[in-house]
Amino acid sequence: MGRVQLFEISLSHGRFVYSPGEPLAGTVRVPHFLFAAIRVTCTGSCGVSSKANDTAWVVEESYFNSSLSLADKGSLPAGEHNFPFQFLLPATAPTSFEGPFGKIVHQVRAAIHTPRFSKDHKCSLVFYILSPLNLNSIPDIEQPNVASATKKFSYKLVKTGSVVLTASTDLRGYVVGQALRLHADIENQSGKDTSPVVASLLQKVSYKAKRWIHDVRTIAEVEGAGVKAWRRAQWHEQILVPALPQSALPGCSLIHIDYYLQVSLKAPEATVTLPVFIGNIAVNHAPLSPGVPALVVPSAPPQEEAEAAAGGPHFLDPVSLSTKSHSQQQPPLGTLGSVPGAPEPGPQDGSPVPHPLHPPLCISTGATVPYFAEGSGGPVPTTGTLILPPEYSSWGYPYEAPPSYEQSCGGVDPSLTPES
């Protein structure tokens, strides 16, 4: 029958991302050809494997499967031909997702069925569905998140002590680009200094194969100083939420996504875990920012022997801990520009930059669903290793680590100071 020179699917207006319940329209482009039938199918499904990066699914589920007949038996005249089609996406379709042990894929497939003894021809096109998670639908999402843990331990063979670790966040849910404000209170009831305190934003993706498989990774991490013996300290920090898929995946029973803020000490070993939600629509109520605590510097280091002789330790006012390191686990923004075909930077002369209907679509290597970035152009690969979600905002995401609590709250912008 010869080879099909041009057989492809295109979606209307060049769209790639849709919402549940939306119509999906496009065309199938077919050249001159002798055919028995031309059909187009729109499907949505999820598959999970027990091995990483293996497409031999152990468990599958289907969300929708609709077919249309574009043409019956016949022969197309010379030239190219466009066959329009339209499907209505289900209102319950889950958000697109791809991870190492499974994925949720939505695609359009077309097939040219040829007469007997001839080879059929097929093509497909993947599109993405974003079912936004409104954080305001989660009960008490605007309330602070607080948890505490007490750890008793021994040191110097015969001595015992304890540490009380309390951690809290300003909210229980955040969106991409929002600052997660962290407050930790550490009371060291021992004569031994603690190790540095570490706060980590964790992502836990659970896959339901023959058994549950849990993939846990650190998204962002910030480290503060340790607490001296017989001292109480407070630590204020913030983590900028990077591009992440939303919590949970409504409509999918095989893959579930959870996020946690974990605050921990290695020595003595103490951990506090706070569940947090990542959504697409921000919390309406934003609580007032906490005031900057006064920095109290002790005049002399604690003397354990003197305290013991006086009948036990006497805690001074809490001191503020400094931050030692801050990692957002994200590549520099310049990395995108080094990828072939990446969007070019905008003009530097202050001239206005035209904004397309949607920012360009970037697909993360090994991860998964699209993330819209600033600029113009089509889908391009990125070097990120995180699972990225669809994001409709057109502002550029600041991949650098956010300023520390002291940097953001401790100074005054000179431009805001009235002239004398």
Protein backbone atom coordinates (compact mmCIF):
# COMPACT_ATOMS: atom_id res chain seq x y z
CA MET A 1 0.00 0.00 0.00
CA GLY A 2 2.98 2.30 0.27
CA ARG A 3 4.02 4.40 3.17
CA VAL A 4 1.85 7.10 4.73
CA GLN A 5 3.74 10.35 4.19
CA LEU A 6 1.74 12.51 6.62
CA PHE A 7 -0.53 11.12 9.31
CA GLU A 8 -0.85 13.17 12.49
CA ILE A 9 -3.17 14.48 15.19
CA SER A 10 -3.39 18.14 16.18
CA LEU A 11 -5.48 19.77 18.91
CA SER A 12 -7.37 23.01 18.40
CA HIS A 13 -5.44 26.21 19.19
CA GLY A 14 -2.33 24.16 19.99
CA ARG A 15 -3.60 23.33 23.47
CA PHE A 16 -2.00 20.65 25.63
CA VAL A 17 -3.68 21.15 29.03
CA TYR A 18 -7.41 20.74 29.69
CA SER A 19 -9.75 20.72 32.68
CA PRO A 20 -12.20 17.91 33.50
CA GLY A 21 -15.56 18.42 31.79
CA GLU A 22 -14.06 20.46 28.94
CA PRO A 23 -14.53 19.60 25.25
CA LEU A 24 -11.39 18.43 23.48
CA ALA A 25 -11.35 19.18 19.75
CA GLY A 26 -8.83 18.67 17.00
CA THR A 27 -8.17 17.23 13.57
CA VAL A 28 -6.62 14.11 12.09
CA ARG A 29 -4.50 14.88 9.05
CA VAL A 30 -4.51 12.12 6.42
CA PRO A 31 -2.92 12.07 2.92
CA HIS A 32 -4.19 10.40 -0.26
CA PHE A 33 -4.82 6.80 0.76
CA LEU A 34 -6.93 3.70 0.16
CA PHE A 35 -8.56 2.74 3.46
CA ALA A 36 -11.18 0.52 5.02
CA ALA A 37 -11.90 2.88 7.93
CA ILE A 38 -10.42 5.83 9.84
CA ARG A 39 -11.09 5.96 13.57
CA VAL A 40 -10.02 8.21 16.43
CA THR A 41 -10.09 7.26 20.13
CA CYS A 42 -9.73 9.35 23.30
CA THR A 43 -8.57 7.47 26.40
CA GLY A 44 -7.54 8.09 30.00
CA SER A 45 -5.97 5.40 32.16
CA CYS A 46 -3.57 4.66 35.02
CA GLY A 47 -1.00 1.89 35.25
CA VAL A 48 1.19 0.84 38.19
CA SER A 49 4.22 -1.46 38.20
CA SER A 50 6.12 -3.16 41.01
CA LYS A 51 9.44 -2.21 39.38
CA ALA A 52 10.77 1.27 38.73
CA ASN A 53 10.55 2.54 35.14
CA ASP A 54 8.76 -0.62 33.99
CA THR A 55 5.69 -0.28 31.74
CA ALA A 56 4.55 -3.86 32.31
CA TRP A 57 1.66 -2.76 34.51
CA VAL A 58 0.66 -4.98 37.42
CA VAL A 59 -2.55 -3.03 38.05
CA GLU A 60 -4.49 -0.77 35.67
CA GLU A 61 -7.66 1.29 35.75
CA SER A 62 -9.50 3.13 32.97
CA TYR A 63 -11.21 6.51 33.32
CA PHE A 64 -12.69 6.97 29.86
CA ASN A 65 -12.49 5.37 26.41
CA SER A 66 -14.47 6.97 23.56
CA SER A 67 -14.18 6.30 19.82
CA LEU A 68 -15.38 8.04 16.67
CA SER A 69 -15.50 6.83 13.08
CA LEU A 70 -14.14 9.57 10.84
CA ALA A 71 -14.57 7.80 7.51
CA ASP A 72 -15.78 4.46 6.15
CA LYS A 73 -14.32 2.35 3.35
CA GLY A 74 -13.15 4.37 0.40
CA SER A 75 -10.25 6.13 -1.29
CA LEU A 76 -9.18 9.68 -0.64
CA PRO A 77 -8.38 11.84 -3.66
CA ALA A 78 -4.92 13.29 -4.10
CA GLY A 79 -3.87 15.85 -1.51
CA GLU A 80 -4.09 16.17 2.26
CA HIS A 81 -7.34 15.80 4.19
CA ASN A 82 -8.31 17.00 7.68
CA PHE A 83 -10.96 15.12 9.63
CA PRO A 84 -12.27 17.10 12.64
CA PHE A 85 -13.23 15.40 15.89
CA GLN A 86 -14.46 16.40 19.34
CA PHE A 87 -14.75 14.58 22.68
CA LEU A 88 -16.20 15.70 26.01
CA LEU A 89 -13.76 14.96 28.83
CA PRO A 90 -15.38 13.42 31.96
CA ALA A 91 -15.82 15.70 34.96
CA THR A 92 -14.17 13.03 37.14
CA ALA A 93 -10.99 12.66 35.07
CA PRO A 94 -7.90 12.78 37.35
CA THR A 95 -4.90 15.05 36.93
CA SER A 96 -2.10 13.76 34.68
CA PHE A 97 0.86 12.31 36.52
CA GLU A 98 3.98 10.26 35.82
CA GLY A 99 6.33 8.74 38.38
CA PRO A 100 8.86 5.89 38.54
CA PHE A 101 6.27 3.24 39.46
CA GLY A 102 3.21 4.42 37.55
CA LYS A 103 1.47 7.12 35.59
CA ILE A 104 -1.87 8.63 34.66
CA VAL A 105 -1.95 9.19 30.90
CA HIS A 106 -4.56 10.85 28.69
CA GLN A 107 -4.15 10.58 24.93
CA VAL A 108 -5.83 10.72 21.53
CA ARG A 109 -5.09 7.86 19.12
CA ALA A 110 -5.95 7.60 15.44
CA ALA A 111 -5.84 4.54 13.18
CA ILE A 112 -6.16 4.00 9.45
CA HIS A 113 -7.53 0.50 8.88
CA THR A 114 -6.48 -0.72 5.45
CA PRO A 115 -7.94 -3.44 3.21
CA ARG A 116 -6.94 -7.06 3.79
CA PHE A 117 -3.23 -7.97 3.63
CA SER A 118 -2.22 -4.34 4.12
CA LYS A 119 -0.63 -2.84 7.23
CA ASP A 120 -2.73 -0.57 9.41
CA HIS A 121 -1.28 2.81 10.36
CA LYS A 122 -1.51 4.41 13.82
CA CYS A 123 -0.48 7.61 15.58
CA SER A 124 -1.13 9.13 19.00
CA LEU A 125 -0.88 12.41 20.90
CA VAL A 126 -0.67 12.84 24.68
CA PHE A 127 -2.53 15.71 26.34
CA TYR A 128 -2.72 16.70 30.00
CA ILE A 129 -5.59 17.16 32.42
CA LEU A 130 -5.36 19.45 35.44
CA SER A 131 -8.07 19.05 38.07
CA PRO A 132 -7.28 22.01 40.38
CA LEU A 133 -7.19 21.39 44.13
CA ASN A 134 -8.86 24.28 45.97
CA LEU A 135 -7.15 24.43 49.35
CA ASN A 136 -10.14 26.28 50.81
CA SER A 137 -12.17 23.07 50.52
CA ILE A 138 -9.96 21.40 53.17
CA PRO A 139 -11.21 21.88 56.76
CA ASP A 140 -9.07 24.12 59.01
CA ILE A 141 -6.58 24.71 56.18
CA GLU A 142 -6.02 28.31 57.34
CA GLN A 143 -5.11 27.25 60.89
CA PRO A 144 -1.52 26.88 62.13
CA ASN A 145 -0.10 23.36 62.11
CA VAL A 146 1.57 22.41 65.42
CA ALA A 147 3.22 19.24 66.75
CA SER A 148 5.62 18.45 69.59
CA ALA A 149 7.89 15.59 70.66
CA THR A 150 9.93 14.87 73.80
CA LYS A 151 13.05 12.69 73.66
CA LYS A 152 14.78 11.34 76.78
CA PHE A 153 18.38 10.17 76.44
CA SER A 154 21.56 9.33 78.35
CA TYR A 155 24.98 10.93 78.03
CA LYS A 156 28.34 10.63 79.78
CA LEU A 157 27.30 7.09 80.80
CA VAL A 158 25.50 8.07 83.99
CA LYS A 159 23.67 11.29 83.17
CA THR A 160 20.22 11.63 81.67
CA GLY A 161 18.43 14.48 80.00
CA SER A 162 15.65 15.30 77.58
CA VAL A 163 14.89 17.62 74.71
CA VAL A 164 11.49 19.06 73.83
CA LEU A 165 11.03 19.83 70.11
CA THR A 166 7.98 21.81 68.98
CA ALA A 167 7.38 22.82 65.36
CA SER A 168 4.62 24.81 63.70
CA THR A 169 3.70 26.32 60.33
CA ASP A 170 1.55 29.37 59.62
CA LEU A 171 -0.88 27.40 57.41
CA ARG A 172 -1.71 23.81 56.54
CA GLY A 173 -1.73 24.26 52.78
CA TYR A 174 0.30 26.11 50.14
CA VAL A 175 0.56 26.69 46.40
CA VAL A 176 3.59 26.78 44.13
CA GLY A 177 5.78 29.82 44.84
CA GLN A 178 4.30 30.47 48.29
CA ALA A 179 6.54 30.70 51.35
CA LEU A 180 6.00 28.07 54.03
CA ARG A 181 6.75 29.83 57.32
CA LEU A 182 8.31 27.56 59.91
CA HIS A 183 8.75 28.13 63.65
CA ALA A 184 10.61 25.67 65.88
CA ASP A 185 11.08 25.80 69.64
CA ILE A 186 13.79 23.57 71.15
CA GLU A 187 14.25 23.18 74.89
CA ASN A 188 17.48 21.36 75.75
CA GLN A 189 17.06 19.95 79.26
CA SER A 190 20.51 18.40 79.43
CA GLY A 191 24.17 19.27 79.84
CA LYS A 192 24.97 18.27 76.24
CA ASP A 193 24.68 20.44 73.13
CA THR A 194 22.28 19.21 70.46
CA SER A 195 23.09 18.62 66.81
CA PRO A 196 21.90 21.13 64.19
CA VAL A 197 18.15 21.25 63.61
CA VAL A 198 16.98 20.32 60.10
CA ALA A 199 13.64 21.05 58.41
CA SER A 200 12.76 19.08 55.26
CA LEU A 201 9.81 19.29 52.88
CA LEU A 202 9.10 15.67 51.93
CA GLN A 203 7.05 14.21 49.09
CA LYS A 204 5.56 10.74 49.51
CA VAL A 205 4.03 9.07 46.45
CA SER A 206 2.20 5.80 47.14
CA TYR A 207 1.54 3.29 44.34
CA LYS A 208 -0.98 0.48 44.77
CA ALA A 209 0.47 -2.55 42.97
CA LYS A 210 0.20 -6.04 44.51
CA ARG A 211 1.31 -4.22 47.63
CA TRP A 212 1.70 -0.53 48.39
CA ILE A 213 4.97 0.99 47.18
CA HIS A 214 6.06 4.27 48.79
CA ASP A 215 8.47 6.62 47.02
CA VAL A 216 9.74 9.31 49.43
CA ARG A 217 12.02 12.15 48.39
CA THR A 218 13.32 15.38 49.90
CA ILE A 219 12.05 18.41 47.99
CA ALA A 220 13.68 21.21 49.98
CA GLU A 221 15.81 21.35 53.12
CA VAL A 222 17.03 24.02 55.51
CA GLU A 223 19.46 23.56 58.41
CA GLY A 224 19.80 25.63 61.56
CA ALA A 225 22.33 25.70 64.36
CA GLY A 226 22.27 23.44 67.41
CA VAL A 227 21.12 24.35 70.91
CA LYS A 228 23.60 24.75 73.77
CA ALA A 229 23.29 22.78 77.00
CA TRP A 230 20.54 23.90 79.38
CA ARG A 231 19.24 26.38 76.83
CA ARG A 232 15.99 27.03 75.02
CA ALA A 233 16.11 28.33 71.45
CA GLN A 234 13.68 29.43 68.77
CA TRP A 235 14.17 29.10 65.03
CA HIS A 236 12.24 31.03 62.39
CA GLU A 237 12.65 30.06 58.73
CA GLN A 238 10.75 29.75 55.48
CA ILE A 239 10.77 27.35 52.54
CA LEU A 240 9.63 28.46 49.11
CA VAL A 241 7.32 25.78 47.68
CA PRO A 242 8.77 24.66 44.32
CA ALA A 243 6.84 23.32 41.33
CA LEU A 244 5.10 20.18 42.61
CA PRO A 245 2.06 18.09 41.72
CA GLN A 246 -0.92 18.68 43.95
CA SER A 247 -1.69 16.62 47.04
CA ALA A 248 -3.80 13.53 46.38
CA LEU A 249 -5.10 12.72 42.89
CA PRO A 250 -8.92 12.80 43.07
CA GLY A 251 -10.44 10.22 40.76
CA CYS A 252 -7.42 7.88 40.90
CA SER A 253 -7.36 4.96 43.36
CA LEU A 254 -3.90 3.61 42.45
CA ILE A 255 -1.63 6.62 43.11
CA HIS A 256 -1.71 8.97 46.10
CA ILE A 257 0.53 11.98 46.88
CA ASP A 258 1.24 13.32 50.37
CA TYR A 259 3.54 16.07 51.63
CA TYR A 260 5.12 16.51 55.04
CA LEU A 261 7.30 19.04 56.81
CA GLN A 262 9.75 17.12 58.99
CA VAL A 263 11.76 18.93 61.69
CA SER A 264 14.43 16.80 63.32
CA LEU A 265 17.54 16.57 65.46
CA LYS A 266 20.09 13.80 64.91
CA ALA A 267 21.57 13.96 68.41
CA PRO A 268 19.59 13.39 70.45
CA GLU A 269 17.28 11.78 67.91
CA ALA A 270 13.99 13.67 67.88
CA THR A 271 11.56 14.19 65.01
CA VAL A 272 8.33 16.11 64.48
CA THR A 273 6.27 15.56 61.32
CA LEU A 274 3.60 17.98 60.09
CA PRO A 275 1.33 17.02 57.16
CA VAL A 276 0.88 19.82 54.61
CA PHE A 277 -1.21 20.14 51.47
CA ILE A 278 -0.02 21.41 48.09
CA GLY A 279 -2.82 22.78 45.92
CA ASN A 280 -3.58 25.01 42.95
CA ILE A 281 -5.88 27.60 44.56
CA ALA A 282 -4.37 29.43 47.54
CA VAL A 283 -5.92 29.76 50.99
CA ASN A 284 -8.12 32.85 51.13
CA HIS A 285 -7.24 33.79 54.70
CA ALA A 286 -3.58 34.58 55.32
CA PRO A 287 -2.74 34.95 59.02
CA LEU A 288 -0.64 37.86 60.20
CA SER A 289 3.09 37.37 60.03
CA PRO A 290 4.65 36.65 63.42
CA GLY A 291 6.77 39.39 64.94
CA VAL A 292 10.53 39.18 64.95
CA PRO A 293 11.66 37.75 68.30
CA ALA A 294 14.20 39.75 70.25
CA LEU A 295 17.68 38.30 70.04
CA VAL A 296 18.98 37.48 73.53
CA VAL A 297 22.69 36.77 73.85
CA PRO A 298 23.81 35.19 77.14
CA SER A 299 26.63 37.02 78.89
CA ALA A 300 28.48 33.79 79.63
CA PRO A 301 28.25 30.13 78.61
CA PRO A 302 26.25 27.87 80.93
CA GLN A 303 28.11 26.13 83.70
CA GLU A 304 26.57 22.74 84.37
CA GLU A 305 28.35 22.26 87.68
CA ALA A 306 27.25 25.65 89.04
CA GLU A 307 23.66 25.01 87.98
CA ALA A 308 23.65 21.60 89.61
CA ALA A 309 25.03 23.05 92.84
CA ALA A 310 22.33 25.70 92.84
CA GLY A 311 19.64 23.04 92.76
CA GLY A 312 19.22 22.49 89.01
CA PRO A 313 19.37 24.41 85.72
CA HIS A 314 17.69 27.76 85.28
CA PHE A 315 16.65 28.47 81.66
CA LEU A 316 17.24 31.97 80.40
CA ASP A 317 15.04 33.66 77.82
CA PRO A 318 15.04 31.73 74.53
CA VAL A 319 17.68 32.68 71.99
CA SER A 320 17.27 32.76 68.21
CA LEU A 321 19.02 30.13 66.12
CA SER A 322 20.83 31.08 62.93
CA THR A 323 20.44 29.23 59.63
CA LYS A 324 23.48 27.31 58.36
CA SER A 325 22.31 26.14 54.92
CA HIS A 326 19.28 26.35 52.65
CA SER A 327 18.64 24.03 49.70
CA GLN A 328 15.63 24.15 47.40
CA GLN A 329 16.73 21.03 45.47
CA GLN A 330 16.11 22.85 42.16
CA PRO A 331 18.38 23.57 39.19
CA PRO A 332 19.35 27.20 38.55
CA LEU A 333 17.04 29.17 36.35
CA GLY A 334 19.81 29.46 33.78
CA THR A 335 19.72 25.72 33.20
CA LEU A 336 16.58 26.09 31.12
CA GLY A 337 18.27 28.46 28.73
CA SER A 338 21.03 25.92 28.03
CA VAL A 339 18.57 23.35 26.71
CA PRO A 340 18.31 23.28 22.91
CA GLY A 341 15.08 24.89 21.84
CA ALA A 342 14.49 26.51 25.22
CA PRO A 343 12.63 29.84 25.35
CA GLU A 344 14.82 32.83 24.65
CA PRO A 345 15.08 35.48 27.39
CA GLY A 346 12.94 38.56 26.97
CA PRO A 347 14.29 41.91 25.76
CA GLN A 348 16.43 43.84 28.21
CA ASP A 349 15.63 47.31 26.91
CA GLY A 350 12.38 47.60 28.82
CA SER A 351 10.16 47.09 25.76
CA PRO A 352 6.92 45.17 26.42
CA VAL A 353 7.00 41.43 25.95
CA PRO A 354 4.00 39.84 24.21
CA HIS A 355 2.31 37.16 26.31
CA PRO A 356 0.86 34.11 24.54
CA LEU A 357 -2.44 32.57 25.59
CA HIS A 358 -0.44 30.13 27.72
CA PRO A 359 3.22 30.17 28.72
CA PRO A 360 5.44 27.62 26.96
CA LEU A 361 5.15 24.01 28.02
CA CYS A 362 8.18 22.40 29.67
CA ILE A 363 8.28 18.69 30.31
CA SER A 364 10.57 17.46 33.06
CA THR A 365 12.96 14.64 32.23
CA GLY A 366 11.92 11.52 34.12
CA ALA A 367 9.13 13.22 35.81
CA THR A 368 6.13 14.10 34.26
CA VAL A 369 3.46 16.43 33.69
CA PRO A 370 3.80 19.84 32.11
CA TYR A 371 4.92 22.99 33.85
CA PHE A 372 4.40 26.37 32.19
CA ALA A 373 7.37 28.73 32.27
CA GLU A 374 8.01 32.29 31.10
CA GLY A 375 8.76 33.08 27.47
CA SER A 376 7.60 31.72 24.13
CA GLY A 377 8.04 28.48 22.29
CA GLY A 378 6.78 24.92 22.27
CA PRO A 379 7.37 21.92 24.54
CA VAL A 380 11.03 21.57 25.50
CA PRO A 381 12.79 19.10 27.82
CA THR A 382 14.25 20.32 31.10
CA THR A 383 16.93 18.87 33.32
CA GLY A 384 14.83 18.91 36.49
CA THR A 385 14.45 15.68 38.45
CA LEU A 386 11.29 16.61 40.32
CA ILE A 387 7.75 15.73 39.37
CA LEU A 388 6.33 18.94 37.96
CA PRO A 389 2.66 19.91 37.72
CA PRO A 390 0.69 21.97 35.24
CA GLU A 391 0.82 25.61 36.30
CA TYR A 392 -1.13 28.36 34.54
CA SER A 393 0.67 31.36 36.02
CA SER A 394 3.01 33.17 33.64
CA TRP A 395 5.44 34.57 36.19
CA GLY A 396 8.95 33.16 36.31
CA TYR A 397 9.59 30.93 39.32
CA PRO A 398 12.58 32.07 41.44
CA TYR A 399 14.66 28.90 41.69
CA GLU A 400 17.12 30.48 44.13
CA ALA A 401 16.63 29.69 47.80
CA PRO A 402 14.37 32.23 49.53
CA PRO A 403 15.87 34.73 51.97
CA SER A 404 16.21 33.68 55.58
CA TYR A 405 13.80 34.92 58.20
CA GLU A 406 16.33 37.45 59.45
CA GLN A 407 17.06 38.71 55.91
CA SER A 408 13.41 39.15 54.99
CA CYS A 409 12.27 40.72 58.26
CA GLY A 410 15.35 42.31 59.77
CA GLY A 411 15.93 45.17 57.35
CA VAL A 412 14.07 48.11 55.85
CA ASP A 413 14.02 48.91 52.17
CA PRO A 414 15.85 52.27 51.77
CA SER A 415 13.50 53.21 48.94
CA LEU A 416 10.61 53.20 51.40
CA THR A 417 12.30 55.64 53.80
CA PRO A 418 11.01 59.24 53.39
CA GLU A 419 13.59 61.82 52.51
CA SER A 420 14.62 64.18 55.29
